[in-house]
Amino acid sequence: MDTVYQPGQDMTVHWIVKPGTDPAANSTQVELTARLTGPYGDVSELKSAAGGTARPALGEVTFEAQPVRPSGAAGERPVSVIPIARDAPPGSYNLIFAVREDGGVIGGASVVRVAPKA
């Protein structure tokens, strides 16, 4: 991600819907989650922490979106909104996102930068 966020901004995660399933035939509930955890001084520190070998130097903070439960309706465009606190420390944050369905979880992560408060 190339966008640098400022404390006090909202980060939006736009989910891509896989077409071709009939929502009426699908009785499962899908839950989409997203959160930012950090700050880390740089990407290598973030990756070390994700591997369980390091913690953020300033203490860990988490900014979390409300879970999204899409209905499966045609044309639906689910979005998660992560509010970044006005006093968020600058640094690299781990964006962790997941799709929960049928008792299983598929997820991933990315790096997001938060600039010093302007």
PDB file of N, CA and C in Angstrom:
ATOM      1  N   MET A   1       0.841  -1.173   0.000  1.00  0.00           N
ATOM      2  CA  MET A   1       0.000   0.000   0.000  1.00  0.00           C
ATOM      3  C   MET A   1       0.887   1.237   0.000  1.00  0.00           C
ATOM      4  N   ASP A   2       0.594   2.143  -0.885  1.00  0.00           N
ATOM      5  CA  ASP A   2       1.400   3.342  -1.013  1.00  0.00           C
ATOM      6  C   ASP A   2       0.855   4.526  -0.215  1.00  0.00           C
ATOM      7  N   THR A   3      -0.355   4.428   0.261  1.00  0.00           N
ATOM      8  CA  THR A   3      -0.955   5.526   0.994  1.00  0.00           C
ATOM      9  C   THR A   3      -0.350   5.632   2.390  1.00  0.00           C
ATOM     10  N   VAL A   4      -0.012   6.848   2.786  1.00  0.00           N
ATOM     11  CA  VAL A   4       0.458   7.108   4.143  1.00  0.00           C
ATOM     12  C   VAL A   4      -0.701   7.784   4.873  1.00  0.00           C
ATOM     13  N   TYR A   5      -1.063   7.245   6.022  1.00  0.00           N
ATOM     14  CA  TYR A   5      -2.192   7.757   6.786  1.00  0.00           C
ATOM     15  C   TYR A   5      -1.722   8.707   7.874  1.00  0.00           C
ATOM     16  N   GLN A   6      -2.618   9.592   8.267  1.00  0.00           N
ATOM     17  CA  GLN A   6      -2.377  10.544   9.343  1.00  0.00           C
ATOM     18  C   GLN A   6      -3.206  10.125  10.559  1.00  0.00           C
ATOM     19  N   PRO A   7      -2.714  10.396  11.765  1.00  0.00           N
ATOM     20  CA  PRO A   7      -3.550  10.159  12.938  1.00  0.00           C
ATOM     21  C   PRO A   7      -4.881  10.897  12.777  1.00  0.00           C
ATOM     22  N   GLY A   8      -5.968  10.238  13.167  1.00  0.00           N
ATOM     23  CA  GLY A   8      -7.303  10.825  13.042  1.00  0.00           C
ATOM     24  C   GLY A   8      -8.023  10.454  11.770  1.00  0.00           C
ATOM     25  N   GLN A   9      -7.341   9.864  10.796  1.00  0.00           N
ATOM     26  CA  GLN A   9      -7.984   9.449   9.551  1.00  0.00           C
ATOM     27  C   GLN A   9      -8.645   8.087   9.714  1.00  0.00           C
ATOM     28  N   ASP A  10      -9.573   7.791   8.812  1.00  0.00           N
ATOM     29  CA  ASP A  10     -10.147   6.460   8.697  1.00  0.00           C
ATOM     30  C   ASP A  10      -9.472   5.746   7.539  1.00  0.00           C
ATOM     31  N   MET A  11      -9.123   4.490   7.741  1.00  0.00           N
ATOM     32  CA  MET A  11      -8.600   3.650   6.669  1.00  0.00           C
ATOM     33  C   MET A  11      -9.740   2.740   6.220  1.00  0.00           C
ATOM     34  N   THR A  12      -9.951   2.647   4.917  1.00  0.00           N
ATOM     35  CA  THR A  12     -11.007   1.770   4.410  1.00  0.00           C
ATOM     36  C   THR A  12     -10.396   0.568   3.702  1.00  0.00           C
ATOM     37  N   VAL A  13     -10.985  -0.578   3.975  1.00  0.00           N
ATOM     38  CA  VAL A  13     -10.601  -1.826   3.314  1.00  0.00           C
ATOM     39  C   VAL A  13     -11.792  -2.241   2.464  1.00  0.00           C
ATOM     40  N   HIS A  14     -11.608  -2.256   1.149  1.00  0.00           N
ATOM     41  CA  HIS A  14     -12.661  -2.636   0.214  1.00  0.00           C
ATOM     42  C   HIS A  14     -12.505  -4.118  -0.106  1.00  0.00           C
ATOM     43  N   TRP A  15     -13.526  -4.875   0.191  1.00  0.00           N
ATOM     44  CA  TRP A  15     -13.504  -6.317  -0.022  1.00  0.00           C
ATOM     45  C   TRP A  15     -13.988  -6.632  -1.430  1.00  0.00           C
ATOM     46  N   ILE A  16     -13.403  -7.640  -2.046  1.00  0.00           N
ATOM     47  CA  ILE A  16     -13.791  -8.079  -3.384  1.00  0.00           C
ATOM     48  C   ILE A  16     -14.725  -9.271  -3.236  1.00  0.00           C
ATOM     49  N   VAL A  17     -15.899  -9.155  -3.845  1.00  0.00           N
ATOM     50  CA  VAL A  17     -16.902 -10.210  -3.767  1.00  0.00           C
ATOM     51  C   VAL A  17     -16.703 -11.166  -4.935  1.00  0.00           C
ATOM     52  N   LYS A  18     -16.655 -12.445  -4.616  1.00  0.00           N
ATOM     53  CA  LYS A  18     -16.521 -13.463  -5.655  1.00  0.00           C
ATOM     54  C   LYS A  18     -17.905 -13.751  -6.227  1.00  0.00           C
ATOM     55  N   PRO A  19     -18.129 -13.434  -7.511  1.00  0.00           N
ATOM     56  CA  PRO A  19     -19.447 -13.684  -8.104  1.00  0.00           C
ATOM     57  C   PRO A  19     -19.642 -15.177  -8.393  1.00  0.00           C
ATOM     58  N   GLY A  20     -20.891 -15.521  -8.612  1.00  0.00           N
ATOM     59  CA  GLY A  20     -21.187 -16.876  -9.053  1.00  0.00           C
ATOM     60  C   GLY A  20     -21.834 -17.768  -8.017  1.00  0.00           C
ATOM     61  N   THR A  21     -22.039 -17.275  -6.797  1.00  0.00           N
ATOM     62  CA  THR A  21     -22.740 -18.086  -5.816  1.00  0.00           C
ATOM     63  C   THR A  21     -24.133 -17.523  -5.612  1.00  0.00           C
ATOM     64  N   ASP A  22     -25.063 -18.391  -5.357  1.00  0.00           N
ATOM     65  CA  ASP A  22     -26.446 -18.003  -5.131  1.00  0.00           C
ATOM     66  C   ASP A  22     -26.647 -17.770  -3.641  1.00  0.00           C
ATOM     67  N   PRO A  23     -26.840 -16.515  -3.207  1.00  0.00           N
ATOM     68  CA  PRO A  23     -26.973 -16.244  -1.777  1.00  0.00           C
ATOM     69  C   PRO A  23     -28.135 -16.997  -1.141  1.00  0.00           C
ATOM     70  N   ALA A  24     -29.203 -17.250  -1.890  1.00  0.00           N
ATOM     71  CA  ALA A  24     -30.356 -17.968  -1.340  1.00  0.00           C
ATOM     72  C   ALA A  24     -29.997 -19.413  -1.020  1.00  0.00           C
ATOM     73  N   ALA A  25     -29.069 -19.994  -1.789  1.00  0.00           N
ATOM     74  CA  ALA A  25     -28.664 -21.384  -1.561  1.00  0.00           C
ATOM     75  C   ALA A  25     -27.561 -21.481  -0.513  1.00  0.00           C
ATOM     76  N   ASN A  26     -26.973 -20.367  -0.158  1.00  0.00           N
ATOM     77  CA  ASN A  26     -25.852 -20.349   0.777  1.00  0.00           C
ATOM     78  C   ASN A  26     -26.360 -20.008   2.173  1.00  0.00           C
ATOM     79  N   SER A  27     -26.320 -20.980   3.081  1.00  0.00           N
ATOM     80  CA  SER A  27     -26.834 -20.749   4.431  1.00  0.00           C
ATOM     81  C   SER A  27     -25.731 -20.338   5.404  1.00  0.00           C
ATOM     82  N   THR A  28     -24.493 -20.209   4.927  1.00  0.00           N
ATOM     83  CA  THR A  28     -23.397 -19.856   5.823  1.00  0.00           C
ATOM     84  C   THR A  28     -23.327 -18.350   6.025  1.00  0.00           C
ATOM     85  N   GLN A  29     -22.840 -17.961   7.179  1.00  0.00           N
ATOM     86  CA  GLN A  29     -22.624 -16.550   7.478  1.00  0.00           C
ATOM     87  C   GLN A  29     -21.142 -16.248   7.292  1.00  0.00           C
ATOM     88  N   VAL A  30     -20.853 -15.198   6.546  1.00  0.00           N
ATOM     89  CA  VAL A  30     -19.481 -14.762   6.317  1.00  0.00           C
ATOM     90  C   VAL A  30     -19.230 -13.538   7.194  1.00  0.00           C
ATOM     91  N   GLU A  31     -18.049 -13.495   7.819  1.00  0.00           N
ATOM     92  CA  GLU A  31     -17.659 -12.336   8.618  1.00  0.00           C
ATOM     93  C   GLU A  31     -16.302 -11.844   8.139  1.00  0.00           C
ATOM     94  N   LEU A  32     -16.212 -10.546   7.858  1.00  0.00           N
ATOM     95  CA  LEU A  32     -14.987  -9.911   7.389  1.00  0.00           C
ATOM     96  C   LEU A  32     -14.437  -9.046   8.514  1.00  0.00           C
ATOM     97  N   THR A  33     -13.147  -9.221   8.836  1.00  0.00           N
ATOM     98  CA  THR A  33     -12.545  -8.427   9.908  1.00  0.00           C
ATOM     99  C   THR A  33     -11.248  -7.792   9.424  1.00  0.00           C
ATOM    100  N   ALA A  34     -10.914  -6.649  10.010  1.00  0.00           N
ATOM    101  CA  ALA A  34      -9.672  -5.948   9.670  1.00  0.00           C
ATOM    102  C   ALA A  34      -9.223  -5.133  10.876  1.00  0.00           C
ATOM    103  N   ARG A  35      -7.889  -5.106  11.091  1.00  0.00           N
ATOM    104  CA  ARG A  35      -7.333  -4.314  12.189  1.00  0.00           C
ATOM    105  C   ARG A  35      -5.903  -3.912  11.863  1.00  0.00           C
ATOM    106  N   LEU A  36      -5.474  -2.817  12.482  1.00  0.00           N
ATOM    107  CA  LEU A  36      -4.095  -2.340  12.405  1.00  0.00           C
ATOM    108  C   LEU A  36      -3.456  -2.534  13.768  1.00  0.00           C
ATOM    109  N   THR A  37      -2.246  -3.090  13.797  1.00  0.00           N
ATOM    110  CA  THR A  37      -1.509  -3.285  15.036  1.00  0.00           C
ATOM    111  C   THR A  37      -0.103  -2.735  14.858  1.00  0.00           C
ATOM    112  N   GLY A  38       0.382  -2.016  15.844  1.00  0.00           N
ATOM    113  CA  GLY A  38       1.723  -1.446  15.758  1.00  0.00           C
ATOM    114  C   GLY A  38       1.925  -0.471  16.896  1.00  0.00           C
ATOM    115  N   PRO A  39       2.776   0.501  16.765  1.00  0.00           N
ATOM    116  CA  PRO A  39       3.633   0.798  15.616  1.00  0.00           C
ATOM    117  C   PRO A  39       4.970   0.067  15.719  1.00  0.00           C
ATOM    118  N   TYR A  40       5.583  -0.107  14.594  1.00  0.00           N
ATOM    119  CA  TYR A  40       6.922  -0.676  14.488  1.00  0.00           C
ATOM    120  C   TYR A  40       7.817   0.359  13.824  1.00  0.00           C
ATOM    121  N   GLY A  41       9.081   0.340  14.169  1.00  0.00           N
ATOM    122  CA  GLY A  41      10.026   1.317  13.634  1.00  0.00           C
ATOM    123  C   GLY A  41      10.240   1.170  12.137  1.00  0.00           C
ATOM    124  N   ASP A  42      10.164  -0.071  11.646  1.00  0.00           N
ATOM    125  CA  ASP A  42      10.313  -0.318  10.209  1.00  0.00           C
ATOM    126  C   ASP A  42       9.694  -1.674   9.873  1.00  0.00           C
ATOM    127  N   VAL A  43       9.718  -2.006   8.594  1.00  0.00           N
ATOM    128  CA  VAL A  43       9.068  -3.229   8.118  1.00  0.00           C
ATOM    129  C   VAL A  43       9.740  -4.478   8.678  1.00  0.00           C
ATOM    130  N   SER A  44      11.054  -4.467   8.840  1.00  0.00           N
ATOM    131  CA  SER A  44      11.726  -5.657   9.366  1.00  0.00           C
ATOM    132  C   SER A  44      11.301  -5.925  10.817  1.00  0.00           C
ATOM    133  N   GLU A  45      11.116  -4.872  11.621  1.00  0.00           N
ATOM    134  CA  GLU A  45      10.612  -5.054  12.983  1.00  0.00           C
ATOM    135  C   GLU A  45       9.194  -5.618  12.963  1.00  0.00           C
ATOM    136  N   LEU A  46       8.367  -5.113  12.053  1.00  0.00           N
ATOM    137  CA  LEU A  46       6.995  -5.590  11.927  1.00  0.00           C
ATOM    138  C   LEU A  46       6.982  -7.079  11.576  1.00  0.00           C
ATOM    139  N   LYS A  47       7.804  -7.475  10.625  1.00  0.00           N
ATOM    140  CA  LYS A  47       7.851  -8.884  10.219  1.00  0.00           C
ATOM    141  C   LYS A  47       8.386  -9.766  11.342  1.00  0.00           C
ATOM    142  N   SER A  48       9.336  -9.282  12.111  1.00  0.00           N
ATOM    143  CA  SER A  48       9.833 -10.037  13.258  1.00  0.00           C
ATOM    144  C   SER A  48       8.722 -10.242  14.283  1.00  0.00           C
ATOM    145  N   ALA A  49       7.936  -9.191  14.516  1.00  0.00           N
ATOM    146  CA  ALA A  49       6.829  -9.290  15.468  1.00  0.00           C
ATOM    147  C   ALA A  49       5.769 -10.261  14.963  1.00  0.00           C
ATOM    148  N   ALA A  50       5.476 -10.214  13.664  1.00  0.00           N
ATOM    149  CA  ALA A  50       4.487 -11.126  13.094  1.00  0.00           C
ATOM    150  C   ALA A  50       4.956 -12.575  13.222  1.00  0.00           C
ATOM    151  N   GLY A  51       6.265 -12.769  13.222  1.00  0.00           N
ATOM    152  CA  GLY A  51       6.829 -14.099  13.399  1.00  0.00           C
ATOM    153  C   GLY A  51       6.975 -14.495  14.854  1.00  0.00           C
ATOM    154  N   GLY A  52       6.598 -13.590  15.771  1.00  0.00           N
ATOM    155  CA  GLY A  52       6.627 -13.894  17.193  1.00  0.00           C
ATOM    156  C   GLY A  52       7.952 -13.629  17.872  1.00  0.00           C
ATOM    157  N   THR A  53       8.884 -12.919  17.190  1.00  0.00           N
ATOM    158  CA  THR A  53      10.210 -12.711  17.791  1.00  0.00           C
ATOM    159  C   THR A  53      10.449 -11.285  18.276  1.00  0.00           C
ATOM    160  N   ALA A  54       9.458 -10.398  18.152  1.00  0.00           N
ATOM    161  CA  ALA A  54       9.658  -9.013  18.606  1.00  0.00           C
ATOM    162  C   ALA A  54       8.316  -8.387  18.973  1.00  0.00           C
ATOM    163  N   ARG A  55       8.364  -7.303  19.741  1.00  0.00           N
ATOM    164  CA  ARG A  55       7.198  -6.508  20.116  1.00  0.00           C
ATOM    165  C   ARG A  55       7.465  -5.062  19.704  1.00  0.00           C
ATOM    166  N   PRO A  56       6.409  -4.263  19.503  1.00  0.00           N
ATOM    167  CA  PRO A  56       6.622  -2.850  19.196  1.00  0.00           C
ATOM    168  C   PRO A  56       7.397  -2.158  20.314  1.00  0.00           C
ATOM    169  N   ALA A  57       8.323  -1.284  19.936  1.00  0.00           N
ATOM    170  CA  ALA A  57       9.168  -0.595  20.910  1.00  0.00           C
ATOM    171  C   ALA A  57       8.362   0.327  21.826  1.00  0.00           C
ATOM    172  N   LEU A  58       7.312   0.949  21.292  1.00  0.00           N
ATOM    173  CA  LEU A  58       6.538   1.921  22.073  1.00  0.00           C
ATOM    174  C   LEU A  58       5.331   1.305  22.765  1.00  0.00           C
ATOM    175  N   GLY A  59       5.166   0.016  22.687  1.00  0.00           N
ATOM    176  CA  GLY A  59       3.950  -0.611  23.202  1.00  0.00           C
ATOM    177  C   GLY A  59       2.940  -0.756  22.085  1.00  0.00           C
ATOM    178  N   GLU A  60       2.266  -1.840  22.091  1.00  0.00           N
ATOM    179  CA  GLU A  60       1.361  -2.158  20.988  1.00  0.00           C
ATOM    180  C   GLU A  60       0.010  -1.468  21.147  1.00  0.00           C
ATOM    181  N   VAL A  61      -0.490  -0.926  20.039  1.00  0.00           N
ATOM    182  CA  VAL A  61      -1.849  -0.397  19.978  1.00  0.00           C
ATOM    183  C   VAL A  61      -2.545  -1.079  18.810  1.00  0.00           C
ATOM    184  N   THR A  62      -3.855  -1.178  18.912  1.00  0.00           N
ATOM    185  CA  THR A  62      -4.644  -1.803  17.853  1.00  0.00           C
ATOM    186  C   THR A  62      -5.820  -0.910  17.525  1.00  0.00           C
ATOM    187  N   PHE A  63      -6.049  -0.712  16.240  1.00  0.00           N
ATOM    188  CA  PHE A  63      -7.219   0.011  15.741  1.00  0.00           C
ATOM    189  C   PHE A  63      -8.004  -0.994  14.908  1.00  0.00           C
ATOM    190  N   GLU A  64      -9.283  -1.169  15.249  1.00  0.00           N
ATOM    191  CA  GLU A  64     -10.052  -2.268  14.673  1.00  0.00           C
ATOM    192  C   GLU A  64     -11.340  -1.779  14.023  1.00  0.00           C
ATOM    193  N   ALA A  65     -11.662  -2.365  12.876  1.00  0.00           N
ATOM    194  CA  ALA A  65     -12.937  -2.099  12.215  1.00  0.00           C
ATOM    195  C   ALA A  65     -14.013  -2.974  12.851  1.00  0.00           C
ATOM    196  N   GLN A  66     -15.240  -2.509  12.811  1.00  0.00           N
ATOM    197  CA  GLN A  66     -16.358  -3.358  13.216  1.00  0.00           C
ATOM    198  C   GLN A  66     -16.451  -4.519  12.231  1.00  0.00           C
ATOM    199  N   PRO A  67     -16.744  -5.733  12.682  1.00  0.00           N
ATOM    200  CA  PRO A  67     -16.897  -6.844  11.743  1.00  0.00           C
ATOM    201  C   PRO A  67     -17.994  -6.547  10.723  1.00  0.00           C
ATOM    202  N   VAL A  68     -17.779  -6.974   9.501  1.00  0.00           N
ATOM    203  CA  VAL A  68     -18.743  -6.792   8.420  1.00  0.00           C
ATOM    204  C   VAL A  68     -19.313  -8.164   8.083  1.00  0.00           C
ATOM    205  N   ARG A  69     -20.636  -8.250   7.996  1.00  0.00           N
ATOM    206  CA  ARG A  69     -21.305  -9.506   7.645  1.00  0.00           C
ATOM    207  C   ARG A  69     -22.141  -9.274   6.397  1.00  0.00           C
ATOM    208  N   PRO A  70     -21.523  -9.491   5.219  1.00  0.00           N
ATOM    209  CA  PRO A  70     -22.249  -9.233   3.973  1.00  0.00           C
ATOM    210  C   PRO A  70     -23.439 -10.174   3.813  1.00  0.00           C
ATOM    211  N   SER A  71     -24.456  -9.674   3.130  1.00  0.00           N
ATOM    212  CA  SER A  71     -25.679 -10.462   2.925  1.00  0.00           C
ATOM    213  C   SER A  71     -25.565 -11.411   1.739  1.00  0.00           C
ATOM    214  N   GLY A  72     -24.651 -11.100   0.823  1.00  0.00           N
ATOM    215  CA  GLY A  72     -24.532 -11.903  -0.394  1.00  0.00           C
ATOM    216  C   GLY A  72     -25.383 -11.378  -1.535  1.00  0.00           C
ATOM    217  N   ALA A  73     -26.003 -10.222  -1.342  1.00  0.00           N
ATOM    218  CA  ALA A  73     -26.852  -9.642  -2.383  1.00  0.00           C
ATOM    219  C   ALA A  73     -26.010  -9.235  -3.594  1.00  0.00           C
ATOM    220  N   ALA A  74     -26.600  -9.361  -4.769  1.00  0.00           N
ATOM    221  CA  ALA A  74     -25.917  -8.984  -6.005  1.00  0.00           C
ATOM    222  C   ALA A  74     -25.476  -7.527  -5.935  1.00  0.00           C
ATOM    223  N   GLY A  75     -24.255  -7.249  -6.352  1.00  0.00           N
ATOM    224  CA  GLY A  75     -23.729  -5.893  -6.381  1.00  0.00           C
ATOM    225  C   GLY A  75     -23.251  -5.356  -5.047  1.00  0.00           C
ATOM    226  N   GLU A  76     -23.314  -6.167  -4.007  1.00  0.00           N
ATOM    227  CA  GLU A  76     -22.875  -5.712  -2.682  1.00  0.00           C
ATOM    228  C   GLU A  76     -21.375  -5.426  -2.690  1.00  0.00           C
ATOM    229  N   ARG A  77     -20.959  -4.338  -2.062  1.00  0.00           N
ATOM    230  CA  ARG A  77     -19.556  -3.922  -1.989  1.00  0.00           C
ATOM    231  C   ARG A  77     -19.177  -3.693  -0.530  1.00  0.00           C
ATOM    232  N   PRO A  78     -18.837  -4.750   0.189  1.00  0.00           N
ATOM    233  CA  PRO A  78     -18.520  -4.581   1.609  1.00  0.00           C
ATOM    234  C   PRO A  78     -17.251  -3.760   1.829  1.00  0.00           C
ATOM    235  N   VAL A  79     -17.275  -2.951   2.873  1.00  0.00           N
ATOM    236  CA  VAL A  79     -16.147  -2.092   3.236  1.00  0.00           C
ATOM    237  C   VAL A  79     -15.961  -2.145   4.745  1.00  0.00           C
ATOM    238  N   SER A  80     -14.709  -2.309   5.178  1.00  0.00           N
ATOM    239  CA  SER A  80     -14.357  -2.195   6.586  1.00  0.00           C
ATOM    240  C   SER A  80     -13.711  -0.833   6.794  1.00  0.00           C
ATOM    241  N   VAL A  81     -14.088  -0.156   7.875  1.00  0.00           N
ATOM    242  CA  VAL A  81     -13.536   1.164   8.186  1.00  0.00           C
ATOM    243  C   VAL A  81     -12.776   1.055   9.504  1.00  0.00           C
ATOM    244  N   ILE A  82     -11.467   1.353   9.439  1.00  0.00           N
ATOM    245  CA  ILE A  82     -10.614   1.313  10.618  1.00  0.00           C
ATOM    246  C   ILE A  82     -10.312   2.759  11.028  1.00  0.00           C
ATOM    247  N   PRO A  83     -10.871   3.216  12.162  1.00  0.00           N
ATOM    248  CA  PRO A  83     -10.554   4.568  12.625  1.00  0.00           C
ATOM    249  C   PRO A  83      -9.171   4.580  13.294  1.00  0.00           C
ATOM    250  N   ILE A  84      -8.292   5.424  12.784  1.00  0.00           N
ATOM    251  CA  ILE A  84      -6.952   5.580  13.361  1.00  0.00           C
ATOM    252  C   ILE A  84      -7.037   6.710  14.380  1.00  0.00           C
ATOM    253  N   ALA A  85      -6.666   6.420  15.612  1.00  0.00           N
ATOM    254  CA  ALA A  85      -6.794   7.397  16.701  1.00  0.00           C
ATOM    255  C   ALA A  85      -6.018   8.678  16.406  1.00  0.00           C
ATOM    256  N   ARG A  86      -6.519   9.783  16.928  1.00  0.00           N
ATOM    257  CA  ARG A  86      -5.865  11.089  16.744  1.00  0.00           C
ATOM    258  C   ARG A  86      -4.480  11.129  17.388  1.00  0.00           C
ATOM    259  N   ASP A  87      -4.265  10.295  18.389  1.00  0.00           N
ATOM    260  CA  ASP A  87      -2.965  10.263  19.063  1.00  0.00           C
ATOM    261  C   ASP A  87      -2.139   9.035  18.658  1.00  0.00           C
ATOM    262  N   ALA A  88      -2.447   8.459  17.490  1.00  0.00           N
ATOM    263  CA  ALA A  88      -1.724   7.266  17.028  1.00  0.00           C
ATOM    264  C   ALA A  88      -0.239   7.571  16.845  1.00  0.00           C
ATOM    265  N   PRO A  89       0.621   6.754  17.428  1.00  0.00           N
ATOM    266  CA  PRO A  89       2.059   6.959  17.232  1.00  0.00           C
ATOM    267  C   PRO A  89       2.445   6.667  15.778  1.00  0.00           C
ATOM    268  N   PRO A  90       3.418   7.379  15.238  1.00  0.00           N
ATOM    269  CA  PRO A  90       3.843   7.126  13.866  1.00  0.00           C
ATOM    270  C   PRO A  90       4.600   5.805  13.765  1.00  0.00           C
ATOM    271  N   GLY A  91       4.617   5.255  12.562  1.00  0.00           N
ATOM    272  CA  GLY A  91       5.383   4.042  12.321  1.00  0.00           C
ATOM    273  C   GLY A  91       4.686   3.126  11.337  1.00  0.00           C
ATOM    274  N   SER A  92       5.214   1.929  11.237  1.00  0.00           N
ATOM    275  CA  SER A  92       4.638   0.892  10.377  1.00  0.00           C
ATOM    276  C   SER A  92       3.656   0.076  11.204  1.00  0.00           C
ATOM    277  N   TYR A  93       2.503  -0.187  10.615  1.00  0.00           N
ATOM    278  CA  TYR A  93       1.460  -0.969  11.273  1.00  0.00           C
ATOM    279  C   TYR A  93       1.163  -2.207  10.437  1.00  0.00           C
ATOM    280  N   ASN A  94       0.813  -3.279  11.127  1.00  0.00           N
ATOM    281  CA  ASN A  94       0.444  -4.522  10.475  1.00  0.00           C
ATOM    282  C   ASN A  94      -1.070  -4.504  10.243  1.00  0.00           C
ATOM    283  N   LEU A  95      -1.480  -4.474   8.977  1.00  0.00           N
ATOM    284  CA  LEU A  95      -2.890  -4.581   8.618  1.00  0.00           C
ATOM    285  C   LEU A  95      -3.198  -6.069   8.512  1.00  0.00           C
ATOM    286  N   ILE A  96      -4.065  -6.553   9.377  1.00  0.00           N
ATOM    287  CA  ILE A  96      -4.435  -7.968   9.393  1.00  0.00           C
ATOM    288  C   ILE A  96      -5.905  -8.062   9.006  1.00  0.00           C
ATOM    289  N   PHE A  97      -6.193  -8.851   7.975  1.00  0.00           N
ATOM    290  CA  PHE A  97      -7.570  -8.989   7.513  1.00  0.00           C
ATOM    291  C   PHE A  97      -7.914 -10.470   7.395  1.00  0.00           C
ATOM    292  N   ALA A  98      -9.205 -10.784   7.591  1.00  0.00           N
ATOM    293  CA  ALA A  98      -9.619 -12.177   7.581  1.00  0.00           C
ATOM    294  C   ALA A  98     -11.061 -12.323   7.111  1.00  0.00           C
ATOM    295  N   VAL A  99     -11.331 -13.483   6.515  1.00  0.00           N
ATOM    296  CA  VAL A  99     -12.668 -13.895   6.111  1.00  0.00           C
ATOM    297  C   VAL A  99     -12.980 -15.162   6.905  1.00  0.00           C
ATOM    298  N   ARG A 100     -14.032 -15.110   7.707  1.00  0.00           N
ATOM    299  CA  ARG A 100     -14.455 -16.285   8.488  1.00  0.00           C
ATOM    300  C   ARG A 100     -15.724 -16.841   7.873  1.00  0.00           C
ATOM    301  N   GLU A 101     -15.699 -18.146   7.599  1.00  0.00           N
ATOM    302  CA  GLU A 101     -16.862 -18.799   6.994  1.00  0.00           C
ATOM    303  C   GLU A 101     -16.805 -20.286   7.297  1.00  0.00           C
ATOM    304  N   ASP A 102     -17.939 -20.869   7.649  1.00  0.00           N
ATOM    305  CA  ASP A 102     -18.046 -22.308   7.913  1.00  0.00           C
ATOM    306  C   ASP A 102     -17.018 -22.808   8.912  1.00  0.00           C
ATOM    307  N   GLY A 103     -16.707 -22.017   9.942  1.00  0.00           N
ATOM    308  CA  GLY A 103     -15.768 -22.439  10.957  1.00  0.00           C
ATOM    309  C   GLY A 103     -14.309 -22.306  10.558  1.00  0.00           C
ATOM    310  N   GLY A 104     -14.031 -21.877   9.332  1.00  0.00           N
ATOM    311  CA  GLY A 104     -12.663 -21.690   8.870  1.00  0.00           C
ATOM    312  C   GLY A 104     -12.329 -20.225   8.695  1.00  0.00           C
ATOM    313  N   VAL A 105     -11.040 -19.947   8.612  1.00  0.00           N
ATOM    314  CA  VAL A 105     -10.570 -18.569   8.453  1.00  0.00           C
ATOM    315  C   VAL A 105      -9.526 -18.527   7.348  1.00  0.00           C
ATOM    316  N   ILE A 106      -9.678 -17.548   6.464  1.00  0.00           N
ATOM    317  CA  ILE A 106      -8.667 -17.248   5.459  1.00  0.00           C
ATOM    318  C   ILE A 106      -8.285 -15.796   5.680  1.00  0.00           C
ATOM    319  N   GLY A 107      -6.990 -15.527   5.748  1.00  0.00           N
ATOM    320  CA  GLY A 107      -6.590 -14.154   6.028  1.00  0.00           C
ATOM    321  C   GLY A 107      -5.267 -13.794   5.406  1.00  0.00           C
ATOM    322  N   GLY A 108      -4.866 -12.580   5.660  1.00  0.00           N
ATOM    323  CA  GLY A 108      -3.606 -12.081   5.148  1.00  0.00           C
ATOM    324  C   GLY A 108      -3.199 -10.837   5.903  1.00  0.00           C
ATOM    325  N   ALA A 109      -2.119 -10.249   5.446  1.00  0.00           N
ATOM    326  CA  ALA A 109      -1.598  -9.064   6.111  1.00  0.00           C
ATOM    327  C   ALA A 109      -0.871  -8.186   5.109  1.00  0.00           C
ATOM    328  N   SER A 110      -0.715  -6.929   5.483  1.00  0.00           N
ATOM    329  CA  SER A 110      -0.004  -5.959   4.672  1.00  0.00           C
ATOM    330  C   SER A 110       0.576  -4.905   5.609  1.00  0.00           C
ATOM    331  N   VAL A 111       1.445  -4.071   5.087  1.00  0.00           N
ATOM    332  CA  VAL A 111       2.074  -3.011   5.875  1.00  0.00           C
ATOM    333  C   VAL A 111       1.408  -1.678   5.539  1.00  0.00           C
ATOM    334  N   VAL A 112       1.084  -0.927   6.583  1.00  0.00           N
ATOM    335  CA  VAL A 112       0.473   0.400   6.443  1.00  0.00           C
ATOM    336  C   VAL A 112       1.334   1.367   7.242  1.00  0.00           C
ATOM    337  N   ARG A 113       1.592   2.529   6.658  1.00  0.00           N
ATOM    338  CA  ARG A 113       2.387   3.552   7.360  1.00  0.00           C
ATOM    339  C   ARG A 113       1.485   4.650   7.895  1.00  0.00           C
ATOM    340  N   VAL A 114       1.770   5.034   9.146  1.00  0.00           N
ATOM    341  CA  VAL A 114       1.105   6.187   9.763  1.00  0.00           C
ATOM    342  C   VAL A 114       2.198   7.220   9.999  1.00  0.00           C
ATOM    343  N   ALA A 115       1.971   8.417   9.455  1.00  0.00           N
ATOM    344  CA  ALA A 115       2.953   9.511   9.546  1.00  0.00           C
ATOM    345  C   ALA A 115       2.872  10.166  10.923  1.00  0.00           C
ATOM    346  N   PRO A 116       3.919  10.910  11.276  1.00  0.00           N
ATOM    347  CA  PRO A 116       3.840  11.689  12.533  1.00  0.00           C
ATOM    348  C   PRO A 116       2.683  12.687  12.432  1.00  0.00           C
ATOM    349  N   LYS A 117       2.085  12.987  13.568  1.00  0.00           N
ATOM    350  CA  LYS A 117       0.971  13.933  13.620  1.00  0.00           C
ATOM    351  C   LYS A 117       1.413  15.278  13.077  1.00  0.00           C
ATOM    352  N   ALA A 118       0.622  15.800  12.130  1.00  0.00           N
ATOM    353  CA  ALA A 118       0.983  17.078  11.492  1.00  0.00           C
ATOM    354  C   ALA A 118       0.506  18.253  12.304  1.00  0.00           C
TER     355      ALA A 118
END
